[in-house]
Structures are given as C-alpha cells and as structure tokens.
C-alpha cells in the first residue's frame, strides 16, 4: 500500500501527510485551537482556526515527526502525528 495523503480523525483532516512547506487543516467546526509540537515536546505552532479550512506555512520547520492536537472548547478532539519532509 502507498502512503496516505490524508489523515482523518474525529474532528480534523490534516494533509498532506507527509508534507513539506504547507500544512492544511479542515475541521468540522470553526473556532478550533491547533497545536503542533516537535519530537521533544516543544510547542512550535499554536493558532486559533476561525474557518473550517486553514493553511499554515511550515517551511521553516525542520524535517521530522511532529505531534498535533486540535481543541474545541478547551477539549482535545483529535491528535496524531504529522511528518515534515
């Protein structure tokens, strides 16, 4: 099987995965908090997503494995791994 370009979790779609310069997020509701952590647990991105679709420039991030989390009303609704090429 080939790599999946989409990762669907309970409330969010994060793509492409793996990715390079752009990270796209689609959520089922607006007003979502998105957090991205590097492999050491350091918070590298924290953004409030007002629309159901958002795009982030991640070209400055080092290649590697990142962990993400989306929160609605201060409750985690999805989380997972994202790979930066």
Protein backbone atom coordinates (compact mmCIF):
# COMPACT_ATOMS: atom_id res chain seq x y z
CA UNK A 1 0.00 0.00 0.00
CA UNK A 2 1.14 3.54 -0.74
CA UNK A 3 1.32 6.37 1.73
CA UNK A 4 -1.93 8.12 2.53
CA UNK A 5 -2.02 11.83 1.76
CA UNK A 6 -4.87 12.36 4.22
CA UNK A 7 -5.27 11.61 7.89
CA UNK A 8 -8.87 11.69 9.17
CA UNK A 9 -9.51 11.88 12.87
CA UNK A 10 -12.67 12.61 14.81
CA UNK A 11 -12.81 16.33 14.08
CA UNK A 12 -9.97 17.18 11.70
CA UNK A 13 -8.29 16.33 8.42
CA UNK A 14 -4.57 17.12 8.31
CA UNK A 15 -2.89 16.97 4.89
CA UNK A 16 -0.61 16.34 3.12
CA UNK A 17 0.97 13.81 5.43
CA UNK A 18 3.90 13.63 4.94
CA UNK A 19 4.24 17.25 3.84
CA UNK A 20 6.86 19.89 3.11
CA UNK A 21 6.09 23.62 3.03
CA UNK A 22 2.34 23.75 3.67
CA UNK A 23 0.09 22.10 6.23
CA UNK A 24 -3.66 22.12 5.55
CA UNK A 25 -6.28 21.57 8.20
CA UNK A 26 -10.00 21.01 7.71
CA UNK A 27 -12.21 20.91 10.78
CA UNK A 28 -15.88 20.18 11.27
CA UNK A 29 -16.31 23.39 13.24
CA UNK A 30 -14.69 26.81 13.28
CA UNK A 31 -13.03 28.28 16.36
CA UNK A 32 -10.65 25.35 16.79
CA UNK A 33 -7.28 25.65 18.51
CA UNK A 34 -4.48 23.90 16.60
CA UNK A 35 -1.21 22.96 18.30
CA UNK A 36 1.88 21.41 16.73
CA UNK A 37 4.72 20.00 18.85
CA UNK A 38 8.17 18.88 17.75
CA UNK A 39 9.60 15.49 18.76
CA UNK A 40 10.99 16.93 22.02
CA UNK A 41 7.53 18.16 23.05
CA UNK A 42 8.21 21.84 22.33
CA UNK A 43 5.17 23.78 21.09
CA UNK A 44 6.12 25.14 17.65
CA UNK A 45 2.72 26.35 16.35
CA UNK A 46 -0.39 27.40 18.22
CA UNK A 47 -3.14 29.00 16.14
CA UNK A 48 -6.83 29.62 16.54
CA UNK A 49 -8.64 28.43 13.40
CA UNK A 50 -11.75 30.52 12.76
CA UNK A 51 -12.70 28.95 9.43
CA UNK A 52 -13.26 25.30 8.70
CA UNK A 53 -10.24 25.28 6.36
CA UNK A 54 -6.80 26.71 7.13
CA UNK A 55 -3.33 26.53 5.67
CA UNK A 56 -0.06 27.06 7.52
CA UNK A 57 3.37 27.81 6.12
CA UNK A 58 5.65 25.27 7.77
CA UNK A 59 8.69 25.73 5.51
CA UNK A 60 10.77 26.98 8.48
CA UNK A 61 10.25 23.75 10.45
CA UNK A 62 12.98 21.13 10.44
CA UNK A 63 12.21 17.77 8.82
CA UNK A 64 10.96 15.19 11.30
CA UNK A 65 7.95 13.85 13.15
CA UNK A 66 5.56 16.29 14.81
CA UNK A 67 2.58 15.70 17.05
CA UNK A 68 -0.55 17.76 16.60
CA UNK A 69 -3.65 18.38 18.65
CA UNK A 70 -6.90 20.17 17.87
CA UNK A 71 -9.08 21.50 20.66
CA UNK A 72 -12.65 22.81 20.75
CA UNK A 73 -13.88 24.46 23.95
CA UNK A 74 -10.59 23.52 25.65
CA UNK A 75 -11.17 19.81 24.98
CA UNK A 76 -8.91 17.76 22.71
CA UNK A 77 -10.95 16.44 19.79
CA UNK A 78 -8.18 14.99 17.66
CA UNK A 79 -4.47 14.31 17.76
CA UNK A 80 -1.88 12.46 15.77
CA UNK A 81 1.47 12.51 14.00
CA UNK A 82 2.45 14.66 11.08
CA UNK A 83 5.69 14.12 9.15
CA UNK A 84 7.67 17.03 7.67
CA UNK A 85 9.88 16.02 4.75
